């Protein structure tokens, strides 16, 4: 890193760059693969999805090679912001461009992408009970201890860490992108409840860094010092405030997306129940229909169709009711 690096200013957010080769290669590869997939699909692909994916790629490129990368070796709060965005924000934008659905549409069900998504590690990390619980655990592993120091002293370690953060984050947000269309409203509601609890837990790493009165990471043993560099403890406390704020801001749209999916799953479950009830009504009409008369007949008391509650004919419920008598 250039020892004469200028003090960070707002205008440098878009003009300050420090290219990370691995990130550039990954962005180009993803863009080319997505474009080829859209071309091979053979039918129109929603333009909004392509735009969303393109925005995600630009965010990935800027976060890993732009302003944040330029100052990640000099300011801990910048390194923390970069890590959090690569982990919990960039993957959401990328996956809402529906690249996995595009791959499924091109290669069909049962392809390699389905085998990867169905593997045990992916299922464990994307489980709504496990994924949110990993956030505070990984936060303490990322922002405390030796990992930040390793990332800024050995460039390949930092590059691989960035790639791993995006992959882990993508797996964690898989339940939000609708890959599993058969998930019940109860399961999505459980994810919403866990996410609400996680909203509180996510703040812990930031609070600990913000209130700590001593250095909690080896980052400051390897940081590039400049004339404008803040004191290490102040820098760490700024990082705690950044973590606290960004984690909560990211969690709010996450919960809104889960709530939206919950409404859709509940509507789908209700439609399935209505279809079953309608089939039962049709079956009853067929069984109870009287013989068709050969001539005009006056029927003074025509039958009126009525629905019977499910628990009246359910064997398990009848057994329970008999036990209570």
C-alpha atoms as a PDB file:
ATOM      1  CA  UNK A   1       0.000   0.000   0.000  1.00  0.00           C
ATOM      2  CA  UNK A   2       1.283   3.506  -0.849  1.00  0.00           C
ATOM      3  CA  UNK A   3       2.491   5.171   2.342  1.00  0.00           C
ATOM      4  CA  UNK A   4       1.279   8.511   0.914  1.00  0.00           C
ATOM      5  CA  UNK A   5      -2.332   7.386   0.720  1.00  0.00           C
ATOM      6  CA  UNK A   6      -4.549  10.449   1.045  1.00  0.00           C
ATOM      7  CA  UNK A   7      -7.022  10.937   3.841  1.00  0.00           C
ATOM      8  CA  UNK A   8     -10.360   9.349   2.842  1.00  0.00           C
ATOM      9  CA  UNK A   9     -12.917  11.839   1.541  1.00  0.00           C
ATOM     10  CA  UNK A  10     -16.480  11.487   0.275  1.00  0.00           C
ATOM     11  CA  UNK A  11     -15.484  12.211  -3.321  1.00  0.00           C
ATOM     12  CA  UNK A  12     -13.116   9.233  -3.238  1.00  0.00           C
ATOM     13  CA  UNK A  13     -15.943   6.748  -2.680  1.00  0.00           C
ATOM     14  CA  UNK A  14     -16.306   6.355  -6.457  1.00  0.00           C
ATOM     15  CA  UNK A  15     -12.873   7.476  -7.638  1.00  0.00           C
ATOM     16  CA  UNK A  16     -10.540   5.577  -5.296  1.00  0.00           C
ATOM     17  CA  UNK A  17      -9.732   2.057  -6.542  1.00  0.00           C
ATOM     18  CA  UNK A  18      -7.348  -0.753  -5.631  1.00  0.00           C
ATOM     19  CA  UNK A  19      -8.005  -3.613  -8.054  1.00  0.00           C
ATOM     20  CA  UNK A  20      -8.287  -7.113  -6.612  1.00  0.00           C
ATOM     21  CA  UNK A  21      -7.452  -9.575  -9.438  1.00  0.00           C
ATOM     22  CA  UNK A  22      -9.497 -12.519  -8.162  1.00  0.00           C
ATOM     23  CA  UNK A  23     -12.609 -10.383  -7.750  1.00  0.00           C
ATOM     24  CA  UNK A  24     -12.282  -9.004 -11.282  1.00  0.00           C
ATOM     25  CA  UNK A  25     -11.944 -12.522 -12.717  1.00  0.00           C
ATOM     26  CA  UNK A  26     -14.983 -13.746 -10.748  1.00  0.00           C
ATOM     27  CA  UNK A  27     -17.129 -10.779 -11.836  1.00  0.00           C
ATOM     28  CA  UNK A  28     -16.232 -11.258 -15.506  1.00  0.00           C
ATOM     29  CA  UNK A  29     -16.863 -15.019 -15.307  1.00  0.00           C
ATOM     30  CA  UNK A  30     -20.262 -14.539 -13.662  1.00  0.00           C
ATOM     31  CA  UNK A  31     -21.298 -11.880 -16.179  1.00  0.00           C
ATOM     32  CA  UNK A  32     -20.322 -14.060 -19.144  1.00  0.00           C
ATOM     33  CA  UNK A  33     -22.016 -17.164 -17.696  1.00  0.00           C
ATOM     34  CA  UNK A  34     -25.229 -15.234 -17.009  1.00  0.00           C
ATOM     35  CA  UNK A  35     -25.290 -13.738 -20.516  1.00  0.00           C
ATOM     36  CA  UNK A  36     -24.719 -17.162 -22.105  1.00  0.00           C
ATOM     37  CA  UNK A  37     -27.489 -18.632 -19.950  1.00  0.00           C
ATOM     38  CA  UNK A  38     -29.970 -15.955 -21.043  1.00  0.00           C
ATOM     39  CA  UNK A  39     -29.047 -16.551 -24.701  1.00  0.00           C
ATOM     40  CA  UNK A  40     -29.374 -20.326 -24.425  1.00  0.00           C
ATOM     41  CA  UNK A  41     -32.673 -20.184 -22.563  1.00  0.00           C
ATOM     42  CA  UNK A  42     -34.683 -19.973 -25.763  1.00  0.00           C
ATOM     43  CA  UNK A  43     -37.411 -17.786 -24.299  1.00  0.00           C
ATOM     44  CA  UNK A  44     -37.599 -14.225 -22.948  1.00  0.00           C
ATOM     45  CA  UNK A  45     -35.900 -13.686 -19.591  1.00  0.00           C
ATOM     46  CA  UNK A  46     -37.225 -10.858 -17.367  1.00  0.00           C
ATOM     47  CA  UNK A  47     -35.085  -7.771 -17.901  1.00  0.00           C
ATOM     48  CA  UNK A  48     -35.460  -6.746 -14.258  1.00  0.00           C
ATOM     49  CA  UNK A  49     -33.634  -9.887 -13.146  1.00  0.00           C
ATOM     50  CA  UNK A  50     -30.734  -9.184 -15.490  1.00  0.00           C
ATOM     51  CA  UNK A  51     -30.514  -5.597 -14.234  1.00  0.00           C
ATOM     52  CA  UNK A  52     -30.562  -6.770 -10.605  1.00  0.00           C
ATOM     53  CA  UNK A  53     -27.789  -9.272 -11.275  1.00  0.00           C
ATOM     54  CA  UNK A  54     -25.751  -6.604 -13.053  1.00  0.00           C
ATOM     55  CA  UNK A  55     -26.126  -4.281 -10.055  1.00  0.00           C
ATOM     56  CA  UNK A  56     -24.975  -7.112  -7.808  1.00  0.00           C
ATOM     57  CA  UNK A  57     -21.858  -7.629  -9.945  1.00  0.00           C
ATOM     58  CA  UNK A  58     -21.051  -3.908  -9.825  1.00  0.00           C
ATOM     59  CA  UNK A  59     -21.477  -3.933  -6.048  1.00  0.00           C
ATOM     60  CA  UNK A  60     -19.180  -6.945  -5.795  1.00  0.00           C
ATOM     61  CA  UNK A  61     -16.565  -5.226  -7.944  1.00  0.00           C
ATOM     62  CA  UNK A  62     -16.752  -1.928  -6.030  1.00  0.00           C
ATOM     63  CA  UNK A  63     -16.761  -3.549  -2.590  1.00  0.00           C
ATOM     64  CA  UNK A  64     -13.753  -5.753  -3.360  1.00  0.00           C
ATOM     65  CA  UNK A  65     -11.745  -3.388  -5.591  1.00  0.00           C
ATOM     66  CA  UNK A  66     -12.984   0.116  -4.905  1.00  0.00           C
ATOM     67  CA  UNK A  67     -12.803   2.595  -2.034  1.00  0.00           C
ATOM     68  CA  UNK A  68     -13.195  -0.048   0.669  1.00  0.00           C
ATOM     69  CA  UNK A  69     -10.321  -2.138  -0.690  1.00  0.00           C
ATOM     70  CA  UNK A  70      -8.097   0.924  -1.025  1.00  0.00           C
ATOM     71  CA  UNK A  71      -8.427   1.764   2.676  1.00  0.00           C
ATOM     72  CA  UNK A  72      -8.965  -1.731   4.139  1.00  0.00           C
ATOM     73  CA  UNK A  73      -5.262  -1.974   5.059  1.00  0.00           C
ATOM     74  CA  UNK A  74      -5.299   1.388   6.819  1.00  0.00           C
ATOM     75  CA  UNK A  75      -8.622   1.678   8.659  1.00  0.00           C
ATOM     76  CA  UNK A  76     -10.222  -1.109  10.640  1.00  0.00           C
ATOM     77  CA  UNK A  77     -13.706   0.344  10.335  1.00  0.00           C
ATOM     78  CA  UNK A  78     -13.337   0.231   6.542  1.00  0.00           C
ATOM     79  CA  UNK A  79     -12.163  -3.397   6.672  1.00  0.00           C
ATOM     80  CA  UNK A  80     -15.152  -4.274   8.875  1.00  0.00           C
ATOM     81  CA  UNK A  81     -17.627  -2.527   6.547  1.00  0.00           C
ATOM     82  CA  UNK A  82     -16.150  -4.280   3.506  1.00  0.00           C
ATOM     83  CA  UNK A  83     -16.347  -7.677   5.213  1.00  0.00           C
ATOM     84  CA  UNK A  84     -19.951  -7.205   6.277  1.00  0.00           C
ATOM     85  CA  UNK A  85     -21.117  -5.987   2.861  1.00  0.00           C
ATOM     86  CA  UNK A  86     -19.440  -8.873   1.031  1.00  0.00           C
ATOM     87  CA  UNK A  87     -20.945 -11.343   3.467  1.00  0.00           C
ATOM     88  CA  UNK A  88     -24.514 -10.160   4.034  1.00  0.00           C
ATOM     89  CA  UNK A  89     -25.440  -7.633   1.346  1.00  0.00           C
ATOM     90  CA  UNK A  90     -23.800  -8.391  -2.002  1.00  0.00           C
ATOM     91  CA  UNK A  91     -25.024 -12.054  -2.070  1.00  0.00           C
ATOM     92  CA  UNK A  92     -28.642 -10.950  -1.562  1.00  0.00           C
ATOM     93  CA  UNK A  93     -28.520  -8.611  -4.569  1.00  0.00           C
ATOM     94  CA  UNK A  94     -26.804 -11.228  -6.737  1.00  0.00           C
ATOM     95  CA  UNK A  95     -29.255 -14.011  -5.894  1.00  0.00           C
ATOM     96  CA  UNK A  96     -32.264 -11.782  -6.513  1.00  0.00           C
ATOM     97  CA  UNK A  97     -31.056 -11.640 -10.084  1.00  0.00           C
ATOM     98  CA  UNK A  98     -32.135 -15.320 -10.122  1.00  0.00           C
ATOM     99  CA  UNK A  99     -28.908 -16.836 -11.495  1.00  0.00           C
ATOM    100  CA  UNK A 100     -29.727 -20.221  -9.926  1.00  0.00           C
ATOM    101  CA  UNK A 101     -33.205 -20.281 -11.446  1.00  0.00           C
ATOM    102  CA  UNK A 102     -31.640 -19.388 -14.791  1.00  0.00           C
ATOM    103  CA  UNK A 103     -29.174 -22.274 -14.499  1.00  0.00           C
ATOM    104  CA  UNK A 104     -32.030 -24.647 -13.652  1.00  0.00           C
ATOM    105  CA  UNK A 105     -34.039 -23.434 -16.640  1.00  0.00           C
ATOM    106  CA  UNK A 106     -31.085 -23.938 -18.995  1.00  0.00           C
ATOM    107  CA  UNK A 107     -29.744 -27.270 -17.707  1.00  0.00           C
ATOM    108  CA  UNK A 108     -32.959 -28.731 -16.284  1.00  0.00           C
ATOM    109  CA  UNK A 109     -33.790 -30.309 -12.950  1.00  0.00           C
ATOM    110  CA  UNK A 110     -31.338 -32.836 -11.581  1.00  0.00           C
ATOM    111  CA  UNK A 111     -28.341 -31.046 -13.085  1.00  0.00           C
ATOM    112  CA  UNK A 112     -25.094 -30.281 -11.293  1.00  0.00           C
ATOM    113  CA  UNK A 113     -26.538 -27.124  -9.717  1.00  0.00           C
ATOM    114  CA  UNK A 114     -29.286 -29.194  -8.086  1.00  0.00           C
ATOM    115  CA  UNK A 115     -26.765 -31.687  -6.772  1.00  0.00           C
ATOM    116  CA  UNK A 116     -24.748 -28.890  -5.198  1.00  0.00           C
ATOM    117  CA  UNK A 117     -27.821 -27.251  -3.678  1.00  0.00           C
ATOM    118  CA  UNK A 118     -28.977 -30.613  -2.359  1.00  0.00           C
ATOM    119  CA  UNK A 119     -25.645 -31.466  -0.738  1.00  0.00           C
ATOM    120  CA  UNK A 120     -25.486 -31.798   3.025  1.00  0.00           C
ATOM    121  CA  UNK A 121     -23.206 -28.763   3.699  1.00  0.00           C
ATOM    122  CA  UNK A 122     -25.454 -26.447   1.684  1.00  0.00           C
ATOM    123  CA  UNK A 123     -28.597 -27.754   3.367  1.00  0.00           C
ATOM    124  CA  UNK A 124     -27.062 -27.276   6.811  1.00  0.00           C
ATOM    125  CA  UNK A 125     -25.910 -23.700   6.223  1.00  0.00           C
ATOM    126  CA  UNK A 126     -29.154 -22.676   4.471  1.00  0.00           C
ATOM    127  CA  UNK A 127     -31.343 -24.204   7.193  1.00  0.00           C
ATOM    128  CA  UNK A 128     -33.416 -21.381   8.766  1.00  0.00           C
ATOM    129  CA  UNK A 129     -32.522 -22.703  12.206  1.00  0.00           C
ATOM    130  CA  UNK A 130     -28.765 -22.816  11.576  1.00  0.00           C
ATOM    131  CA  UNK A 131     -28.010 -20.039   9.092  1.00  0.00           C
ATOM    132  CA  UNK A 132     -29.019 -17.096  11.320  1.00  0.00           C
ATOM    133  CA  UNK A 133     -27.205 -18.652  14.280  1.00  0.00           C
ATOM    134  CA  UNK A 134     -23.973 -18.591  12.269  1.00  0.00           C
ATOM    135  CA  UNK A 135     -24.053 -14.795  11.969  1.00  0.00           C
ATOM    136  CA  UNK A 136     -22.907 -13.925  15.517  1.00  0.00           C
ATOM    137  CA  UNK A 137     -20.500 -16.904  15.579  1.00  0.00           C
ATOM    138  CA  UNK A 138     -18.810 -15.936  12.311  1.00  0.00           C
ATOM    139  CA  UNK A 139     -18.880 -12.269  13.338  1.00  0.00           C
ATOM    140  CA  UNK A 140     -16.725 -12.971  16.387  1.00  0.00           C
ATOM    141  CA  UNK A 141     -14.396 -15.130  14.269  1.00  0.00           C
ATOM    142  CA  UNK A 142     -14.065 -12.407  11.621  1.00  0.00           C
ATOM    143  CA  UNK A 143     -13.767  -9.252  13.683  1.00  0.00           C
ATOM    144  CA  UNK A 144     -11.839 -10.530  16.705  1.00  0.00           C
ATOM    145  CA  UNK A 145      -8.535 -12.361  16.805  1.00  0.00           C
ATOM    146  CA  UNK A 146      -5.897 -12.848  14.099  1.00  0.00           C
ATOM    147  CA  UNK A 147      -7.961 -13.163  10.892  1.00  0.00           C
ATOM    148  CA  UNK A 148      -8.053  -9.429  10.034  1.00  0.00           C
ATOM    149  CA  UNK A 149      -4.260  -9.247  10.414  1.00  0.00           C
ATOM    150  CA  UNK A 150      -3.749 -12.235   8.119  1.00  0.00           C
ATOM    151  CA  UNK A 151      -6.096 -10.748   5.512  1.00  0.00           C
ATOM    152  CA  UNK A 152      -4.210  -7.446   5.190  1.00  0.00           C
ATOM    153  CA  UNK A 153      -0.661  -8.840   5.379  1.00  0.00           C
ATOM    154  CA  UNK A 154      -1.076 -11.690   2.852  1.00  0.00           C
ATOM    155  CA  UNK A 155      -2.987 -10.567  -0.241  1.00  0.00           C
ATOM    156  CA  UNK A 156      -4.108 -14.050  -1.418  1.00  0.00           C
ATOM    157  CA  UNK A 157      -5.608 -14.690   2.044  1.00  0.00           C
ATOM    158  CA  UNK A 158      -7.653 -11.514   1.724  1.00  0.00           C
ATOM    159  CA  UNK A 159      -8.787 -12.442  -1.805  1.00  0.00           C
ATOM    160  CA  UNK A 160      -9.874 -15.935  -0.763  1.00  0.00           C
ATOM    161  CA  UNK A 161     -11.606 -14.527   2.327  1.00  0.00           C
ATOM    162  CA  UNK A 162     -13.658 -12.196   0.132  1.00  0.00           C
ATOM    163  CA  UNK A 163     -14.696 -15.052  -2.149  1.00  0.00           C
ATOM    164  CA  UNK A 164     -15.555 -17.263   0.826  1.00  0.00           C
ATOM    165  CA  UNK A 165     -17.659 -14.483   2.375  1.00  0.00           C
ATOM    166  CA  UNK A 166     -19.745 -14.111  -0.791  1.00  0.00           C
ATOM    167  CA  UNK A 167     -20.249 -17.890  -1.099  1.00  0.00           C
ATOM    168  CA  UNK A 168     -21.203 -18.343   2.570  1.00  0.00           C
ATOM    169  CA  UNK A 169     -23.543 -15.376   2.433  1.00  0.00           C
ATOM    170  CA  UNK A 170     -25.178 -16.713  -0.747  1.00  0.00           C
ATOM    171  CA  UNK A 171     -25.847 -20.087   0.870  1.00  0.00           C
ATOM    172  CA  UNK A 172     -27.268 -18.425   3.977  1.00  0.00           C
ATOM    173  CA  UNK A 173     -29.797 -16.363   1.980  1.00  0.00           C
ATOM    174  CA  UNK A 174     -30.920 -19.248  -0.263  1.00  0.00           C
ATOM    175  CA  UNK A 175     -34.225 -19.584   1.657  1.00  0.00           C
ATOM    176  CA  UNK A 176     -35.129 -16.056   0.514  1.00  0.00           C
ATOM    177  CA  UNK A 177     -34.852 -16.602  -3.234  1.00  0.00           C
ATOM    178  CA  UNK A 178     -37.685 -19.118  -3.587  1.00  0.00           C
ATOM    179  CA  UNK A 179     -35.704 -22.127  -4.785  1.00  0.00           C
ATOM    180  CA  UNK A 180     -37.803 -24.414  -2.591  1.00  0.00           C
ATOM    181  CA  UNK A 181     -41.304 -23.669  -3.814  1.00  0.00           C
ATOM    182  CA  UNK A 182     -42.909 -26.336  -1.617  1.00  0.00           C
ATOM    183  CA  UNK A 183     -41.849 -24.864   1.720  1.00  0.00           C
ATOM    184  CA  UNK A 184     -44.783 -24.458   4.087  1.00  0.00           C
ATOM    185  CA  UNK A 185     -45.956 -21.198   5.614  1.00  0.00           C
ATOM    186  CA  UNK A 186     -45.106 -22.649   9.038  1.00  0.00           C
ATOM    187  CA  UNK A 187     -41.449 -23.087   8.027  1.00  0.00           C
ATOM    188  CA  UNK A 188     -41.256 -19.550   6.635  1.00  0.00           C
ATOM    189  CA  UNK A 189     -42.938 -18.198   9.758  1.00  0.00           C
ATOM    190  CA  UNK A 190     -40.298 -19.961  11.831  1.00  0.00           C
ATOM    191  CA  UNK A 191     -37.594 -18.273   9.744  1.00  0.00           C
ATOM    192  CA  UNK A 192     -39.236 -14.909  10.431  1.00  0.00           C
ATOM    193  CA  UNK A 193     -39.284 -15.565  14.181  1.00  0.00           C
ATOM    194  CA  UNK A 194     -35.629 -16.622  14.170  1.00  0.00           C
ATOM    195  CA  UNK A 195     -34.698 -13.611  12.047  1.00  0.00           C
ATOM    196  CA  UNK A 196     -36.375 -11.286  14.536  1.00  0.00           C
ATOM    197  CA  UNK A 197     -34.331 -12.837  17.324  1.00  0.00           C
ATOM    198  CA  UNK A 198     -31.215 -12.592  15.187  1.00  0.00           C
ATOM    199  CA  UNK A 199     -31.853  -8.854  14.797  1.00  0.00           C
ATOM    200  CA  UNK A 200     -30.873  -8.518  18.446  1.00  0.00           C
ATOM    201  CA  UNK A 201     -28.030 -11.052  18.399  1.00  0.00           C
ATOM    202  CA  UNK A 202     -26.363  -9.446  15.359  1.00  0.00           C
ATOM    203  CA  UNK A 203     -25.733  -6.291  17.333  1.00  0.00           C
ATOM    204  CA  UNK A 204     -23.516  -8.043  19.906  1.00  0.00           C
ATOM    205  CA  UNK A 205     -20.186  -8.015  17.988  1.00  0.00           C
ATOM    206  CA  UNK A 206     -20.594  -4.334  17.168  1.00  0.00           C
ATOM    207  CA  UNK A 207     -21.537  -3.484  20.752  1.00  0.00           C
ATOM    208  CA  UNK A 208     -18.539  -5.382  22.112  1.00  0.00           C
ATOM    209  CA  UNK A 209     -16.133  -3.586  19.766  1.00  0.00           C
ATOM    210  CA  UNK A 210     -17.772  -0.227  20.434  1.00  0.00           C
ATOM    211  CA  UNK A 211     -17.549  -0.514  24.219  1.00  0.00           C
ATOM    212  CA  UNK A 212     -14.239  -2.360  24.473  1.00  0.00           C
ATOM    213  CA  UNK A 213     -11.459  -0.400  26.200  1.00  0.00           C
ATOM    214  CA  UNK A 214      -8.616  -2.505  24.786  1.00  0.00           C
ATOM    215  CA  UNK A 215      -7.715  -3.797  21.322  1.00  0.00           C
ATOM    216  CA  UNK A 216      -9.482  -7.046  20.425  1.00  0.00           C
ATOM    217  CA  UNK A 217      -7.725  -7.964  17.166  1.00  0.00           C
ATOM    218  CA  UNK A 218      -4.231  -8.311  15.728  1.00  0.00           C
ATOM    219  CA  UNK A 219      -5.222  -6.056  12.820  1.00  0.00           C
ATOM    220  CA  UNK A 220      -3.461  -3.107  14.449  1.00  0.00           C
ATOM    221  CA  UNK A 221      -0.170  -5.004  14.579  1.00  0.00           C
ATOM    222  CA  UNK A 222      -0.008  -4.942  10.771  1.00  0.00           C
ATOM    223  CA  UNK A 223      -2.017  -1.856   9.792  1.00  0.00           C
ATOM    224  CA  UNK A 224      -0.497   0.779   7.458  1.00  0.00           C
ATOM    225  CA  UNK A 225      -0.039   3.965   9.478  1.00  0.00           C
ATOM    226  CA  UNK A 226      -0.467   7.459   8.013  1.00  0.00           C
ATOM    227  CA  UNK A 227      -0.299  10.970   9.360  1.00  0.00           C
ATOM    228  CA  UNK A 228      -4.085  11.105   9.406  1.00  0.00           C
ATOM    229  CA  UNK A 229      -4.592   7.623  10.949  1.00  0.00           C
ATOM    230  CA  UNK A 230      -6.825   7.621  14.042  1.00  0.00           C
ATOM    231  CA  UNK A 231      -5.731   6.049  17.292  1.00  0.00           C
ATOM    232  CA  UNK A 232      -6.165   2.246  17.180  1.00  0.00           C
ATOM    233  CA  UNK A 233      -8.746   2.127  19.976  1.00  0.00           C
ATOM    234  CA  UNK A 234     -10.780   4.903  18.357  1.00  0.00           C
ATOM    235  CA  UNK A 235     -10.589   3.081  15.010  1.00  0.00           C
ATOM    236  CA  UNK A 236     -11.825  -0.127  16.673  1.00  0.00           C
ATOM    237  CA  UNK A 237     -14.706   1.712  18.324  1.00  0.00           C
ATOM    238  CA  UNK A 238     -15.651   3.240  14.974  1.00  0.00           C
ATOM    239  CA  UNK A 239     -15.631  -0.273  13.498  1.00  0.00           C
ATOM    240  CA  UNK A 240     -17.976  -1.382  16.283  1.00  0.00           C
ATOM    241  CA  UNK A 241     -20.395   1.412  15.425  1.00  0.00           C
ATOM    242  CA  UNK A 242     -20.228   0.521  11.734  1.00  0.00           C
ATOM    243  CA  UNK A 243     -20.880  -3.167  12.446  1.00  0.00           C
ATOM    244  CA  UNK A 244     -23.746  -2.349  14.754  1.00  0.00           C
ATOM    245  CA  UNK A 245     -25.393   0.009  12.259  1.00  0.00           C
ATOM    246  CA  UNK A 246     -24.868  -1.960   9.049  1.00  0.00           C
ATOM    247  CA  UNK A 247     -25.894  -5.286  10.616  1.00  0.00           C
ATOM    248  CA  UNK A 248     -29.199  -3.813  11.788  1.00  0.00           C
ATOM    249  CA  UNK A 249     -29.835  -2.024   8.482  1.00  0.00           C
ATOM    250  CA  UNK A 250     -29.230  -5.236   6.533  1.00  0.00           C
ATOM    251  CA  UNK A 251     -31.460  -7.277   8.848  1.00  0.00           C
ATOM    252  CA  UNK A 252     -34.506  -5.054   8.291  1.00  0.00           C
ATOM    253  CA  UNK A 253     -34.906  -5.706   4.534  1.00  0.00           C
ATOM    254  CA  UNK A 254     -34.038  -9.348   5.254  1.00  0.00           C
ATOM    255  CA  UNK A 255     -37.038  -9.572   7.599  1.00  0.00           C
ATOM    256  CA  UNK A 256     -39.267  -7.768   5.105  1.00  0.00           C
ATOM    257  CA  UNK A 257     -38.321 -10.276   2.403  1.00  0.00           C
ATOM    258  CA  UNK A 258     -39.035 -13.191   4.750  1.00  0.00           C
ATOM    259  CA  UNK A 259     -42.385 -11.640   5.704  1.00  0.00           C
ATOM    260  CA  UNK A 260     -43.266 -11.231   2.021  1.00  0.00           C
ATOM    261  CA  UNK A 261     -42.398 -14.868   1.359  1.00  0.00           C
ATOM    262  CA  UNK A 262     -44.462 -15.876   4.401  1.00  0.00           C
ATOM    263  CA  UNK A 263     -47.526 -14.154   2.917  1.00  0.00           C
ATOM    264  CA  UNK A 264     -46.975 -15.935  -0.399  1.00  0.00           C
ATOM    265  CA  UNK A 265     -46.507 -19.328   1.265  1.00  0.00           C
ATOM    266  CA  UNK A 266     -49.636 -18.799   3.365  1.00  0.00           C
ATOM    267  CA  UNK A 267     -51.648 -17.868   0.265  1.00  0.00           C
ATOM    268  CA  UNK A 268     -50.338 -20.955  -1.529  1.00  0.00           C
ATOM    269  CA  UNK A 269     -51.230 -23.205   1.422  1.00  0.00           C
ATOM    270  CA  UNK A 270     -54.695 -21.664   1.576  1.00  0.00           C
ATOM    271  CA  UNK A 271     -55.179 -22.267  -2.149  1.00  0.00           C
ATOM    272  CA  UNK A 272     -54.149 -25.911  -1.716  1.00  0.00           C
ATOM    273  CA  UNK A 273     -56.626 -26.358   1.132  1.00  0.00           C
ATOM    274  CA  UNK A 274     -59.384 -24.730  -0.936  1.00  0.00           C
ATOM    275  CA  UNK A 275     -58.607 -27.087  -3.812  1.00  0.00           C
ATOM    276  CA  UNK A 276     -58.883 -30.127  -1.522  1.00  0.00           C
ATOM    277  CA  UNK A 277     -62.185 -28.884  -0.045  1.00  0.00           C
ATOM    278  CA  UNK A 278     -63.563 -28.194  -3.509  1.00  0.00           C
ATOM    279  CA  UNK A 279     -62.631 -31.725  -4.590  1.00  0.00           C
ATOM    280  CA  UNK A 280     -64.401 -33.127  -1.522  1.00  0.00           C
ATOM    281  CA  UNK A 281     -67.509 -31.054  -2.277  1.00  0.00           C
ATOM    282  CA  UNK A 282     -67.486 -32.299  -5.871  1.00  0.00           C
ATOM    283  CA  UNK A 283     -67.161 -35.886  -4.636  1.00  0.00           C
ATOM    284  CA  UNK A 284     -70.101 -35.443  -2.228  1.00  0.00           C
ATOM    285  CA  UNK A 285     -72.245 -33.968  -4.970  1.00  0.00           C
ATOM    286  CA  UNK A 286     -71.505 -36.992  -7.125  1.00  0.00           C
ATOM    287  CA  UNK A 287     -72.392 -39.459  -4.343  1.00  0.00           C
ATOM    288  CA  UNK A 288     -75.498 -37.657  -3.101  1.00  0.00           C
ATOM    289  CA  UNK A 289     -76.971 -36.770  -6.474  1.00  0.00           C
ATOM    290  CA  UNK A 290     -80.472 -38.369  -6.809  1.00  0.00           C
ATOM    291  CA  UNK A 291     -81.429 -40.326  -9.917  1.00  0.00           C
ATOM    292  CA  UNK A 292     -82.319 -38.131 -12.857  1.00  0.00           C
ATOM    293  CA  UNK A 293     -86.122 -38.311 -13.409  1.00  0.00           C
ATOM    294  CA  UNK A 294     -87.518 -39.153 -16.846  1.00  0.00           C
ATOM    295  CA  UNK A 295     -90.052 -36.368 -16.701  1.00  0.00           C
ATOM    296  CA  UNK A 296     -90.709 -33.087 -14.909  1.00  0.00           C
ATOM    297  CA  UNK A 297     -91.006 -33.634 -11.156  1.00  0.00           C
ATOM    298  CA  UNK A 298     -91.930 -31.124  -8.483  1.00  0.00           C
ATOM    299  CA  UNK A 299     -89.397 -31.331  -5.640  1.00  0.00           C
ATOM    300  CA  UNK A 300     -90.720 -29.341  -2.693  1.00  0.00           C
ATOM    301  CA  UNK A 301     -87.642 -29.649  -0.484  1.00  0.00           C
ATOM    302  CA  UNK A 302     -84.504 -29.494  -2.597  1.00  0.00           C
ATOM    303  CA  UNK A 303     -81.249 -30.398  -0.941  1.00  0.00           C
ATOM    304  CA  UNK A 304     -79.008 -27.537   0.108  1.00  0.00           C
ATOM    305  CA  UNK A 305     -75.280 -28.246  -0.172  1.00  0.00           C
ATOM    306  CA  UNK A 306     -73.358 -27.532   2.981  1.00  0.00           C
ATOM    307  CA  UNK A 307     -69.726 -28.017   3.980  1.00  0.00           C
ATOM    308  CA  UNK A 308     -68.971 -30.321   6.876  1.00  0.00           C
ATOM    309  CA  UNK A 309     -66.079 -29.219   9.125  1.00  0.00           C
ATOM    310  CA  UNK A 310     -62.988 -31.355   8.617  1.00  0.00           C
ATOM    311  CA  UNK A 311     -62.845 -32.445  12.255  1.00  0.00           C
ATOM    312  CA  UNK A 312     -66.266 -34.122  12.012  1.00  0.00           C
ATOM    313  CA  UNK A 313     -65.014 -36.745   9.564  1.00  0.00           C
ATOM    314  CA  UNK A 314     -61.370 -36.903  10.688  1.00  0.00           C
ATOM    315  CA  UNK A 315     -60.709 -40.317  12.355  1.00  0.00           C
ATOM    316  CA  UNK A 316     -57.948 -39.015  14.625  1.00  0.00           C
ATOM    317  CA  UNK A 317     -60.107 -36.140  15.890  1.00  0.00           C
ATOM    318  CA  UNK A 318     -63.078 -38.438  16.432  1.00  0.00           C
ATOM    319  CA  UNK A 319     -60.874 -40.741  18.510  1.00  0.00           C
ATOM    320  CA  UNK A 320     -59.760 -37.808  20.667  1.00  0.00           C
ATOM    321  CA  UNK A 321     -63.347 -36.654  21.175  1.00  0.00           C
ATOM    322  CA  UNK A 322     -64.421 -40.144  22.245  1.00  0.00           C
ATOM    323  CA  UNK A 323     -61.630 -40.181  24.849  1.00  0.00           C
ATOM    324  CA  UNK A 324     -62.934 -36.945  26.314  1.00  0.00           C
ATOM    325  CA  UNK A 325     -66.491 -38.298  26.716  1.00  0.00           C
END
